[in-house]
Amino acid sequence: MKKYAFIFPGQGSQSVGMGKEFYENFTLAKELFDEASEAIKVDMKDLLFTPNDNLNLTQYTQPAIFLISYIAHSILQQEHPTMPSLAFGHSLGEVSAFVVANGAEFSSGVKLVHTRGALMAKACEGQDAGMMVVVGLEDSVLESFCQKAQSSNKKIWCANYNGDGQIVLAGKKSDLSACESDIKALGAKRTLLLPMSVASHCPMLESILDEFGALLEENLSGDASVPILSNATIQTYQSKQEAKDLLSKQLITPVLYKQSILKIDSQVDGYIEFGNGNVLKGLNKRLSQKLTYNVSNLATLKETLETL
């Protein structure tokens, strides 16, 4: 019996039309679209299938990504019930992982991520918040640079460890821009400011911790049925209380995705990514020799089912 880690993507994996094949071919998907729409009073079919500006606003991006991840997982379980050895995700994806593992009802999960996005937007409103990808520097070099920048009152933090030589910084957009030339002088191959108005996984979100903690208490219903690997600590947890603590901590500390894969890679035979696209599959190719399958449409669903 092969051991799989179930993995769930975060923001940046969204695109217009995502989930449409599932919607058109599975009654289960239609029912979940309707339930999500009712839960947050947003027409999810319109949001996902019609070109619009809202899909890239974090309070709408998060429930959209969560919905497709949940549907992809539900369809796989309907077609071929499969238990993972553990589950985790990238940022928002960790919330998806906990809910999918029976840590919350589906509608509560939709409300949770919708409000999570709204709180993140609120925390960064008027703060000139932004994020920037840096490619080609060792972790320690960039960490040292950020520490020196912070000592000069610049708001710059390492936010996402996506792979060797690929880190996303978060902070004040003007500080990130001002440091681009200095970062390139250290040997970075590329820097790219992302089209985002939030600064995730850094202290700029500290103002929402109490509200988010209350939100988790209200919407999480119990313990997870499988171990969940924390982005913040790369330790596994299952209880609701641990989820409350760690999902709150995750808001203000880096996503240790690279470190997560390196830690558990020897314990699994492969990975299955649930949700739109194959962002995590792409990251995993640089981190692991194990195969990553994904369930994002009918073709990838068929391919994954054939391997199970």
C-alpha atoms as a PDB file:
ATOM      1  CA  MET A   1       0.000   0.000   0.000  1.00  0.00           C
ATOM      2  CA  LYS A   2       1.637   3.235  -1.100  1.00  0.00           C
ATOM      3  CA  LYS A   3       1.813   6.196   1.253  1.00  0.00           C
ATOM      4  CA  TYR A   4       0.768   9.564  -0.155  1.00  0.00           C
ATOM      5  CA  ALA A   5       0.881  13.076   1.232  1.00  0.00           C
ATOM      6  CA  PHE A   6      -2.139  15.140   0.182  1.00  0.00           C
ATOM      7  CA  ILE A   7      -1.147  18.734  -0.608  1.00  0.00           C
ATOM      8  CA  PHE A   8      -3.222  21.852  -1.243  1.00  0.00           C
ATOM      9  CA  PRO A   9      -2.230  25.070  -3.070  1.00  0.00           C
ATOM     10  CA  GLY A  10      -2.512  28.660  -1.905  1.00  0.00           C
ATOM     11  CA  GLN A  11      -3.066  32.030  -3.521  1.00  0.00           C
ATOM     12  CA  GLY A  12      -1.600  32.443  -6.974  1.00  0.00           C
ATOM     13  CA  SER A  13      -3.086  29.191  -8.267  1.00  0.00           C
ATOM     14  CA  GLN A  14      -6.387  30.801  -9.291  1.00  0.00           C
ATOM     15  CA  SER A  15      -7.534  31.297 -12.891  1.00  0.00           C
ATOM     16  CA  VAL A  16     -10.808  32.056 -14.654  1.00  0.00           C
ATOM     17  CA  GLY A  17     -12.614  28.833 -15.548  1.00  0.00           C
ATOM     18  CA  MET A  18     -11.069  26.730 -12.820  1.00  0.00           C
ATOM     19  CA  GLY A  19     -13.234  23.833 -11.740  1.00  0.00           C
ATOM     20  CA  LYS A  20     -15.523  24.103 -14.769  1.00  0.00           C
ATOM     21  CA  GLU A  21     -14.966  20.509 -15.952  1.00  0.00           C
ATOM     22  CA  PHE A  22     -15.810  19.239 -12.482  1.00  0.00           C
ATOM     23  CA  TYR A  23     -18.906  21.451 -12.347  1.00  0.00           C
ATOM     24  CA  GLU A  24     -20.142  20.190 -15.703  1.00  0.00           C
ATOM     25  CA  ASN A  25     -19.509  16.490 -15.024  1.00  0.00           C
ATOM     26  CA  PHE A  26     -20.169  15.865 -11.322  1.00  0.00           C
ATOM     27  CA  THR A  27     -23.374  16.521  -9.395  1.00  0.00           C
ATOM     28  CA  LEU A  28     -21.242  16.686  -6.254  1.00  0.00           C
ATOM     29  CA  ALA A  29     -19.360  19.680  -7.657  1.00  0.00           C
ATOM     30  CA  LYS A  30     -22.577  21.556  -8.503  1.00  0.00           C
ATOM     31  CA  GLU A  31     -23.874  20.951  -4.975  1.00  0.00           C
ATOM     32  CA  LEU A  32     -20.664  22.266  -3.414  1.00  0.00           C
ATOM     33  CA  PHE A  33     -20.721  25.356  -5.662  1.00  0.00           C
ATOM     34  CA  ASP A  34     -24.284  26.051  -4.473  1.00  0.00           C
ATOM     35  CA  GLU A  35     -23.406  25.468  -0.818  1.00  0.00           C
ATOM     36  CA  ALA A  36     -20.370  27.758  -1.028  1.00  0.00           C
ATOM     37  CA  SER A  37     -22.405  30.480  -2.760  1.00  0.00           C
ATOM     38  CA  GLU A  38     -25.037  30.309  -0.030  1.00  0.00           C
ATOM     39  CA  ALA A  39     -22.446  30.309   2.774  1.00  0.00           C
ATOM     40  CA  ILE A  40     -20.813  33.615   1.805  1.00  0.00           C
ATOM     41  CA  LYS A  41     -23.552  35.152  -0.388  1.00  0.00           C
ATOM     42  CA  VAL A  42     -21.298  35.189  -3.455  1.00  0.00           C
ATOM     43  CA  ASP A  43     -22.203  33.601  -6.816  1.00  0.00           C
ATOM     44  CA  MET A  44     -19.218  31.242  -7.038  1.00  0.00           C
ATOM     45  CA  LYS A  45     -20.114  30.103 -10.555  1.00  0.00           C
ATOM     46  CA  ASP A  46     -20.016  33.707 -11.748  1.00  0.00           C
ATOM     47  CA  LEU A  47     -16.812  34.410  -9.781  1.00  0.00           C
ATOM     48  CA  LEU A  48     -14.942  31.430 -11.219  1.00  0.00           C
ATOM     49  CA  PHE A  49     -16.300  31.135 -14.746  1.00  0.00           C
ATOM     50  CA  THR A  50     -16.760  34.777 -15.859  1.00  0.00           C
ATOM     51  CA  PRO A  51     -13.816  37.172 -16.387  1.00  0.00           C
ATOM     52  CA  ASN A  52     -13.839  39.625 -13.472  1.00  0.00           C
ATOM     53  CA  ASP A  53     -11.574  41.599 -11.169  1.00  0.00           C
ATOM     54  CA  ASN A  54     -12.858  40.053  -7.933  1.00  0.00           C
ATOM     55  CA  LEU A  55     -11.158  36.700  -8.440  1.00  0.00           C
ATOM     56  CA  ASN A  56      -7.792  38.297  -7.629  1.00  0.00           C
ATOM     57  CA  LEU A  57      -9.032  40.071  -4.472  1.00  0.00           C
ATOM     58  CA  THR A  58      -7.888  37.991  -1.524  1.00  0.00           C
ATOM     59  CA  GLN A  59     -11.320  37.778   0.163  1.00  0.00           C
ATOM     60  CA  TYR A  60     -12.647  36.117  -3.025  1.00  0.00           C
ATOM     61  CA  THR A  61      -9.453  34.346  -4.144  1.00  0.00           C
ATOM     62  CA  GLN A  62      -9.268  32.315  -0.970  1.00  0.00           C
ATOM     63  CA  PRO A  63     -12.778  30.780  -1.037  1.00  0.00           C
ATOM     64  CA  ALA A  64     -12.423  30.157  -4.798  1.00  0.00           C
ATOM     65  CA  ILE A  65      -9.184  28.188  -4.357  1.00  0.00           C
ATOM     66  CA  PHE A  66     -10.539  26.400  -1.292  1.00  0.00           C
ATOM     67  CA  LEU A  67     -13.708  25.380  -3.153  1.00  0.00           C
ATOM     68  CA  ILE A  68     -11.861  23.769  -6.063  1.00  0.00           C
ATOM     69  CA  SER A  69      -9.417  22.008  -3.738  1.00  0.00           C
ATOM     70  CA  TYR A  70     -12.328  20.624  -1.700  1.00  0.00           C
ATOM     71  CA  ILE A  71     -14.195  19.507  -4.829  1.00  0.00           C
ATOM     72  CA  ALA A  72     -11.083  17.829  -6.292  1.00  0.00           C
ATOM     73  CA  HIS A  73     -10.519  15.918  -3.068  1.00  0.00           C
ATOM     74  CA  SER A  74     -14.205  14.967  -2.744  1.00  0.00           C
ATOM     75  CA  ILE A  75     -14.345  13.628  -6.300  1.00  0.00           C
ATOM     76  CA  LEU A  76     -11.218  11.526  -5.823  1.00  0.00           C
ATOM     77  CA  GLN A  77     -12.707  10.067  -2.633  1.00  0.00           C
ATOM     78  CA  GLN A  78     -15.962   9.365  -4.479  1.00  0.00           C
ATOM     79  CA  GLU A  79     -14.149   7.579  -7.302  1.00  0.00           C
ATOM     80  CA  HIS A  80     -11.433   5.848  -5.256  1.00  0.00           C
ATOM     81  CA  PRO A  81     -11.469   6.330  -1.448  1.00  0.00           C
ATOM     82  CA  THR A  82      -7.866   6.982  -0.401  1.00  0.00           C
ATOM     83  CA  MET A  83      -6.402   7.926   2.984  1.00  0.00           C
ATOM     84  CA  PRO A  84      -3.168   9.925   3.052  1.00  0.00           C
ATOM     85  CA  SER A  85      -0.402   9.385   5.575  1.00  0.00           C
ATOM     86  CA  LEU A  86      -0.501  13.127   6.225  1.00  0.00           C
ATOM     87  CA  ALA A  87      -1.729  16.349   4.617  1.00  0.00           C
ATOM     88  CA  PHE A  88      -0.469  19.915   4.308  1.00  0.00           C
ATOM     89  CA  GLY A  89      -0.633  22.925   2.051  1.00  0.00           C
ATOM     90  CA  HIS A  90       0.965  26.180   1.038  1.00  0.00           C
ATOM     91  CA  SER A  91      -0.404  29.050   3.168  1.00  0.00           C
ATOM     92  CA  LEU A  92      -4.180  28.987   2.524  1.00  0.00           C
ATOM     93  CA  GLY A  93      -3.670  25.361   1.509  1.00  0.00           C
ATOM     94  CA  GLU A  94      -2.981  24.380   5.120  1.00  0.00           C
ATOM     95  CA  VAL A  95      -6.475  25.590   6.042  1.00  0.00           C
ATOM     96  CA  SER A  96      -7.849  23.525   3.142  1.00  0.00           C
ATOM     97  CA  ALA A  97      -5.926  20.497   4.406  1.00  0.00           C
ATOM     98  CA  PHE A  98      -7.342  20.798   7.936  1.00  0.00           C
ATOM     99  CA  VAL A  99     -10.940  21.257   6.737  1.00  0.00           C
ATOM    100  CA  VAL A 100     -10.690  18.386   4.227  1.00  0.00           C
ATOM    101  CA  ALA A 101      -9.411  16.202   7.076  1.00  0.00           C
ATOM    102  CA  ASN A 102     -12.763  16.731   8.829  1.00  0.00           C
ATOM    103  CA  GLY A 103     -11.564  19.601  11.014  1.00  0.00           C
ATOM    104  CA  ALA A 104     -14.564  21.715   9.957  1.00  0.00           C
ATOM    105  CA  GLU A 105     -17.794  21.473   8.012  1.00  0.00           C
ATOM    106  CA  PHE A 106     -17.482  22.511   4.366  1.00  0.00           C
ATOM    107  CA  SER A 107     -19.659  25.640   4.675  1.00  0.00           C
ATOM    108  CA  SER A 108     -17.742  26.709   7.792  1.00  0.00           C
ATOM    109  CA  GLY A 109     -14.497  26.269   5.848  1.00  0.00           C
ATOM    110  CA  VAL A 110     -15.767  28.545   3.071  1.00  0.00           C
ATOM    111  CA  LYS A 111     -16.756  31.209   5.606  1.00  0.00           C
ATOM    112  CA  LEU A 112     -13.418  30.843   7.370  1.00  0.00           C
ATOM    113  CA  VAL A 113     -11.254  31.437   4.299  1.00  0.00           C
ATOM    114  CA  HIS A 114     -13.520  34.200   2.962  1.00  0.00           C
ATOM    115  CA  THR A 115     -13.180  36.112   6.213  1.00  0.00           C
ATOM    116  CA  ARG A 116      -9.476  35.238   6.473  1.00  0.00           C
ATOM    117  CA  GLY A 117      -8.973  37.012   3.163  1.00  0.00           C
ATOM    118  CA  ALA A 118     -11.055  40.001   4.256  1.00  0.00           C
ATOM    119  CA  LEU A 119      -9.068  40.316   7.502  1.00  0.00           C
ATOM    120  CA  MET A 120      -5.753  40.143   5.647  1.00  0.00           C
ATOM    121  CA  ALA A 121      -6.923  42.871   3.256  1.00  0.00           C
ATOM    122  CA  LYS A 122      -8.071  44.972   6.225  1.00  0.00           C
ATOM    123  CA  ALA A 123      -4.727  44.611   8.040  1.00  0.00           C
ATOM    124  CA  CYS A 124      -2.816  45.795   4.969  1.00  0.00           C
ATOM    125  CA  GLU A 125      -5.156  48.608   3.949  1.00  0.00           C
ATOM    126  CA  GLY A 126      -3.200  51.852   3.601  1.00  0.00           C
ATOM    127  CA  GLN A 127       0.040  50.104   4.610  1.00  0.00           C
ATOM    128  CA  ASP A 128       1.665  50.056   1.122  1.00  0.00           C
ATOM    129  CA  ALA A 129       1.894  46.273   1.528  1.00  0.00           C
ATOM    130  CA  GLY A 130       3.425  44.016  -1.095  1.00  0.00           C
ATOM    131  CA  MET A 131       5.388  40.871  -1.881  1.00  0.00           C
ATOM    132  CA  MET A 132       8.404  40.170  -4.084  1.00  0.00           C
ATOM    133  CA  VAL A 133       9.950  36.991  -5.477  1.00  0.00           C
ATOM    134  CA  VAL A 134      13.717  36.622  -5.243  1.00  0.00           C
ATOM    135  CA  VAL A 135      15.442  33.918  -7.300  1.00  0.00           C
ATOM    136  CA  GLY A 136      19.036  32.754  -7.033  1.00  0.00           C
ATOM    137  CA  LEU A 137      20.138  33.530  -3.476  1.00  0.00           C
ATOM    138  CA  GLU A 138      20.861  31.167  -0.619  1.00  0.00           C
ATOM    139  CA  ASP A 139      18.413  31.369   2.278  1.00  0.00           C
ATOM    140  CA  SER A 140      21.031  32.584   4.760  1.00  0.00           C
ATOM    141  CA  VAL A 141      22.157  35.418   2.484  1.00  0.00           C
ATOM    142  CA  LEU A 142      18.644  36.769   2.036  1.00  0.00           C
ATOM    143  CA  GLU A 143      17.780  36.271   5.718  1.00  0.00           C
ATOM    144  CA  SER A 144      20.857  38.259   6.731  1.00  0.00           C
ATOM    145  CA  PHE A 145      19.947  41.010   4.256  1.00  0.00           C
ATOM    146  CA  CYS A 146      16.423  41.266   5.661  1.00  0.00           C
ATOM    147  CA  GLN A 147      17.704  41.458   9.237  1.00  0.00           C
ATOM    148  CA  LYS A 148      20.020  44.338   8.310  1.00  0.00           C
ATOM    149  CA  ALA A 149      17.191  46.089   6.454  1.00  0.00           C
ATOM    150  CA  GLN A 150      14.922  45.730   9.503  1.00  0.00           C
ATOM    151  CA  SER A 151      17.619  47.295  11.703  1.00  0.00           C
ATOM    152  CA  SER A 152      17.417  50.305   9.355  1.00  0.00           C
ATOM    153  CA  ASN A 153      13.633  50.477   9.950  1.00  0.00           C
ATOM    154  CA  LYS A 154      12.724  48.860   6.651  1.00  0.00           C
ATOM    155  CA  LYS A 155       9.738  46.501   6.624  1.00  0.00           C
ATOM    156  CA  ILE A 156      11.047  43.436   4.769  1.00  0.00           C
ATOM    157  CA  TRP A 157      10.702  39.801   5.805  1.00  0.00           C
ATOM    158  CA  CYS A 158      11.214  36.337   4.278  1.00  0.00           C
ATOM    159  CA  ALA A 159       7.647  35.046   3.827  1.00  0.00           C
ATOM    160  CA  ASN A 160       7.633  31.926   1.610  1.00  0.00           C
ATOM    161  CA  TYR A 161      10.424  29.365   1.237  1.00  0.00           C
ATOM    162  CA  ASN A 162       9.313  27.774  -2.042  1.00  0.00           C
ATOM    163  CA  GLY A 163      12.495  25.989  -3.085  1.00  0.00           C
ATOM    164  CA  ASP A 164      16.249  26.224  -3.226  1.00  0.00           C
ATOM    165  CA  GLY A 165      17.016  29.736  -4.387  1.00  0.00           C
ATOM    166  CA  GLN A 166      13.383  30.840  -4.492  1.00  0.00           C
ATOM    167  CA  ILE A 167      12.028  32.923  -1.625  1.00  0.00           C
ATOM    168  CA  VAL A 168       9.143  35.366  -1.538  1.00  0.00           C
ATOM    169  CA  LEU A 169       9.633  38.494   0.560  1.00  0.00           C
ATOM    170  CA  ALA A 170       6.786  40.401   2.198  1.00  0.00           C
ATOM    171  CA  GLY A 171       6.588  43.895   3.633  1.00  0.00           C
ATOM    172  CA  LYS A 172       6.241  47.491   2.602  1.00  0.00           C
ATOM    173  CA  LYS A 173       6.158  47.769  -1.185  1.00  0.00           C
ATOM    174  CA  SER A 174       8.309  50.908  -1.335  1.00  0.00           C
ATOM    175  CA  ASP A 175      10.956  49.232   0.872  1.00  0.00           C
ATOM    176  CA  LEU A 176      10.918  46.133  -1.320  1.00  0.00           C
ATOM    177  CA  SER A 177      11.346  48.273  -4.455  1.00  0.00           C
ATOM    178  CA  ALA A 178      14.137  50.304  -2.901  1.00  0.00           C
ATOM    179  CA  CYS A 179      16.060  47.126  -2.035  1.00  0.00           C
ATOM    180  CA  GLU A 180      15.821  45.444  -5.436  1.00  0.00           C
ATOM    181  CA  SER A 181      19.179  46.738  -6.696  1.00  0.00           C
ATOM    182  CA  ASP A 182      20.922  45.795  -3.444  1.00  0.00           C
ATOM    183  CA  ILE A 183      19.460  42.275  -3.595  1.00  0.00           C
ATOM    184  CA  LYS A 184      20.596  41.879  -7.193  1.00  0.00           C
ATOM    185  CA  ALA A 185      24.058  43.074  -6.155  1.00  0.00           C
ATOM    186  CA  LEU A 186      24.182  40.108  -3.755  1.00  0.00           C
ATOM    187  CA  GLY A 187      23.866  37.798  -6.770  1.00  0.00           C
ATOM    188  CA  ALA A 188      20.115  37.327  -7.190  1.00  0.00           C
ATOM    189  CA  LYS A 189      19.240  36.176 -10.707  1.00  0.00           C
ATOM    190  CA  ARG A 190      15.845  37.814 -10.605  1.00  0.00           C
ATOM    191  CA  THR A 191      13.536  39.951  -8.479  1.00  0.00           C
ATOM    192  CA  LEU A 192       9.871  40.480  -9.259  1.00  0.00           C
ATOM    193  CA  LEU A 193       7.312  42.553  -7.384  1.00  0.00           C
ATOM    194  CA  LEU A 194       4.039  40.628  -7.324  1.00  0.00           C
ATOM    195  CA  PRO A 195       0.668  42.235  -8.168  1.00  0.00           C
ATOM    196  CA  MET A 196      -0.533  41.952  -4.550  1.00  0.00           C
ATOM    197  CA  SER A 197      -1.768  44.462  -1.996  1.00  0.00           C
ATOM    198  CA  VAL A 198      -1.270  42.220   1.042  1.00  0.00           C
ATOM    199  CA  ALA A 199       1.895  41.218   2.883  1.00  0.00           C
ATOM    200  CA  SER A 200       1.326  37.641   4.017  1.00  0.00           C
ATOM    201  CA  HIS A 201       3.268  35.669   6.619  1.00  0.00           C
ATOM    202  CA  CYS A 202       4.953  38.616   8.268  1.00  0.00           C
ATOM    203  CA  PRO A 203       4.364  40.917  11.280  1.00  0.00           C
ATOM    204  CA  MET A 204       2.234  43.294   9.188  1.00  0.00           C
ATOM    205  CA  LEU A 205      -0.692  40.955   9.919  1.00  0.00           C
ATOM    206  CA  GLU A 206      -0.318  41.035  13.722  1.00  0.00           C
ATOM    207  CA  SER A 207      -3.304  43.378  14.091  1.00  0.00           C
ATOM    208  CA  ILE A 208      -5.771  40.650  13.045  1.00  0.00           C
ATOM    209  CA  LEU A 209      -4.525  37.788  15.234  1.00  0.00           C
ATOM    210  CA  ASP A 210      -7.244  38.133  17.882  1.00  0.00           C
ATOM    211  CA  GLU A 211     -10.045  38.348  15.312  1.00  0.00           C
ATOM    212  CA  PHE A 212      -8.649  35.420  13.375  1.00  0.00           C
ATOM    213  CA  GLY A 213      -8.313  33.327  16.526  1.00  0.00           C
ATOM    214  CA  ALA A 214     -11.983  33.954  17.308  1.00  0.00           C
ATOM    215  CA  LEU A 215     -12.855  33.052  13.713  1.00  0.00           C
ATOM    216  CA  LEU A 216     -11.027  29.732  14.023  1.00  0.00           C
ATOM    217  CA  GLU A 217     -12.749  28.965  17.322  1.00  0.00           C
ATOM    218  CA  GLU A 218     -16.133  29.605  15.710  1.00  0.00           C
ATOM    219  CA  ASN A 219     -15.599  27.637  12.505  1.00  0.00           C
ATOM    220  CA  LEU A 220     -13.333  24.704  13.337  1.00  0.00           C
ATOM    221  CA  SER A 221     -15.378  21.834  14.693  1.00  0.00           C
ATOM    222  CA  GLY A 222     -12.919  19.225  15.887  1.00  0.00           C
ATOM    223  CA  ASP A 223      -9.713  17.326  15.378  1.00  0.00           C
ATOM    224  CA  ALA A 224      -8.300  16.336  11.990  1.00  0.00           C
ATOM    225  CA  SER A 225      -8.627  12.698  10.919  1.00  0.00           C
ATOM    226  CA  VAL A 226      -5.017  12.623   9.641  1.00  0.00           C
ATOM    227  CA  PRO A 227      -1.839  14.433  10.741  1.00  0.00           C
ATOM    228  CA  ILE A 228      -1.481  17.960   9.325  1.00  0.00           C
ATOM    229  CA  LEU A 229       2.010  19.366   8.769  1.00  0.00           C
ATOM    230  CA  SER A 230       2.336  22.962   9.953  1.00  0.00           C
ATOM    231  CA  ASN A 231       3.757  25.600   7.596  1.00  0.00           C
ATOM    232  CA  ALA A 232       5.088  27.471  10.613  1.00  0.00           C
ATOM    233  CA  THR A 233       6.843  24.688  12.537  1.00  0.00           C
ATOM    234  CA  ILE A 234       7.086  21.669  10.154  1.00  0.00           C
ATOM    235  CA  GLN A 235       5.638  19.600  12.993  1.00  0.00           C
ATOM    236  CA  THR A 236       2.431  17.578  12.631  1.00  0.00           C
ATOM    237  CA  TYR A 237      -0.742  18.265  14.594  1.00  0.00           C
ATOM    238  CA  GLN A 238      -4.349  17.094  14.634  1.00  0.00           C
ATOM    239  CA  SER A 239      -6.258  18.809  17.452  1.00  0.00           C
ATOM    240  CA  LYS A 240      -8.513  21.825  17.065  1.00  0.00           C
ATOM    241  CA  GLN A 241      -6.529  23.716  19.711  1.00  0.00           C
ATOM    242  CA  GLU A 242      -3.243  23.116  17.894  1.00  0.00           C
ATOM    243  CA  ALA A 243      -4.903  24.184  14.630  1.00  0.00           C
ATOM    244  CA  LYS A 244      -6.066  27.430  16.253  1.00  0.00           C
ATOM    245  CA  ASP A 245      -2.561  28.176  17.528  1.00  0.00           C
ATOM    246  CA  LEU A 246      -0.651  27.150  14.415  1.00  0.00           C
ATOM    247  CA  LEU A 247      -2.968  28.621  11.768  1.00  0.00           C
ATOM    248  CA  SER A 248      -2.806  31.924  13.649  1.00  0.00           C
ATOM    249  CA  LYS A 249       0.983  31.728  13.928  1.00  0.00           C
ATOM    250  CA  GLN A 250       1.133  30.953  10.210  1.00  0.00           C
ATOM    251  CA  LEU A 251      -0.225  34.435   9.396  1.00  0.00           C
ATOM    252  CA  ILE A 252       2.838  36.180  10.797  1.00  0.00           C
ATOM    253  CA  THR A 253       5.640  33.655  10.203  1.00  0.00           C
ATOM    254  CA  PRO A 254       7.138  32.250   6.997  1.00  0.00           C
ATOM    255  CA  VAL A 255       5.653  29.382   5.010  1.00  0.00           C
ATOM    256  CA  LEU A 256       8.285  26.654   5.295  1.00  0.00           C
ATOM    257  CA  TYR A 257       7.184  24.745   2.210  1.00  0.00           C
ATOM    258  CA  LYS A 258      10.641  23.693   1.052  1.00  0.00           C
ATOM    259  CA  GLN A 259      11.518  22.536   4.551  1.00  0.00           C
ATOM    260  CA  SER A 260       8.242  20.583   4.753  1.00  0.00           C
ATOM    261  CA  ILE A 261       8.994  18.543   1.639  1.00  0.00           C
ATOM    262  CA  LEU A 262      12.571  17.882   2.727  1.00  0.00           C
ATOM    263  CA  LYS A 263      11.387  16.724   6.153  1.00  0.00           C
ATOM    264  CA  ILE A 264       8.715  14.238   5.081  1.00  0.00           C
ATOM    265  CA  ASP A 265       9.966  13.121   1.661  1.00  0.00           C
ATOM    266  CA  SER A 266      11.514   9.907   2.964  1.00  0.00           C
ATOM    267  CA  GLN A 267       8.245   8.986   4.734  1.00  0.00           C
ATOM    268  CA  VAL A 268       6.003   8.965   1.632  1.00  0.00           C
ATOM    269  CA  ASP A 269       5.916   7.335  -1.791  1.00  0.00           C
ATOM    270  CA  GLY A 270       4.483  10.371  -3.550  1.00  0.00           C
ATOM    271  CA  TYR A 271       2.212  13.408  -3.393  1.00  0.00           C
ATOM    272  CA  ILE A 272      -1.278  14.243  -4.655  1.00  0.00           C
ATOM    273  CA  GLU A 273      -2.086  17.940  -5.175  1.00  0.00           C
ATOM    274  CA  PHE A 274      -5.756  18.919  -5.023  1.00  0.00           C
ATOM    275  CA  GLY A 275      -6.863  22.141  -6.701  1.00  0.00           C
ATOM    276  CA  ASN A 276      -6.496  24.304  -9.748  1.00  0.00           C
ATOM    277  CA  GLY A 277      -3.322  24.013 -11.800  1.00  0.00           C
ATOM    278  CA  ASN A 278      -0.124  22.329 -10.650  1.00  0.00           C
ATOM    279  CA  VAL A 279       1.829  24.989  -8.743  1.00  0.00           C
ATOM    280  CA  LEU A 280       2.948  22.631  -5.973  1.00  0.00           C
ATOM    281  CA  LYS A 281       3.743  19.880  -8.462  1.00  0.00           C
ATOM    282  CA  GLY A 282       6.112  22.343 -10.110  1.00  0.00           C
ATOM    283  CA  LEU A 283       7.779  23.226  -6.812  1.00  0.00           C
ATOM    284  CA  ASN A 284       8.063  19.547  -5.859  1.00  0.00           C
ATOM    285  CA  LYS A 285       9.966  18.700  -9.051  1.00  0.00           C
ATOM    286  CA  ARG A 286      12.853  20.792  -7.725  1.00  0.00           C
ATOM    287  CA  LEU A 287      12.642  19.383  -4.206  1.00  0.00           C
ATOM    288  CA  SER A 288      11.893  15.670  -4.533  1.00  0.00           C
ATOM    289  CA  GLN A 289      12.466  12.723  -6.833  1.00  0.00           C
ATOM    290  CA  LYS A 290       9.079  11.309  -5.796  1.00  0.00           C
ATOM    291  CA  LEU A 291       6.189  11.785  -8.225  1.00  0.00           C
ATOM    292  CA  THR A 292       3.514  14.396  -7.578  1.00  0.00           C
ATOM    293  CA  TYR A 293       0.095  13.753  -9.103  1.00  0.00           C
ATOM    294  CA  ASN A 294      -2.563  16.431  -9.245  1.00  0.00           C
ATOM    295  CA  VAL A 295      -6.338  16.541  -9.467  1.00  0.00           C
ATOM    296  CA  SER A 296      -7.379  19.748 -11.205  1.00  0.00           C
ATOM    297  CA  ASN A 297      -9.523  18.615 -14.159  1.00  0.00           C
ATOM    298  CA  LEU A 298     -10.833  15.450 -15.815  1.00  0.00           C
ATOM    299  CA  ALA A 299      -7.522  14.528 -17.450  1.00  0.00           C
ATOM    300  CA  THR A 300      -5.468  14.819 -14.266  1.00  0.00           C
ATOM    301  CA  LEU A 301      -8.191  13.049 -12.282  1.00  0.00           C
ATOM    302  CA  LYS A 302      -8.032  10.100 -14.699  1.00  0.00           C
ATOM    303  CA  GLU A 303      -4.231  10.012 -14.576  1.00  0.00           C
ATOM    304  CA  THR A 304      -4.216  10.034 -10.770  1.00  0.00           C
ATOM    305  CA  LEU A 305      -6.927   7.353 -10.523  1.00  0.00           C
ATOM    306  CA  GLU A 306      -4.898   5.108 -12.809  1.00  0.00           C
ATOM    307  CA  THR A 307      -1.959   5.236 -10.398  1.00  0.00           C
ATOM    308  CA  LEU A 308      -3.949   4.401  -7.254  1.00  0.00           C
END
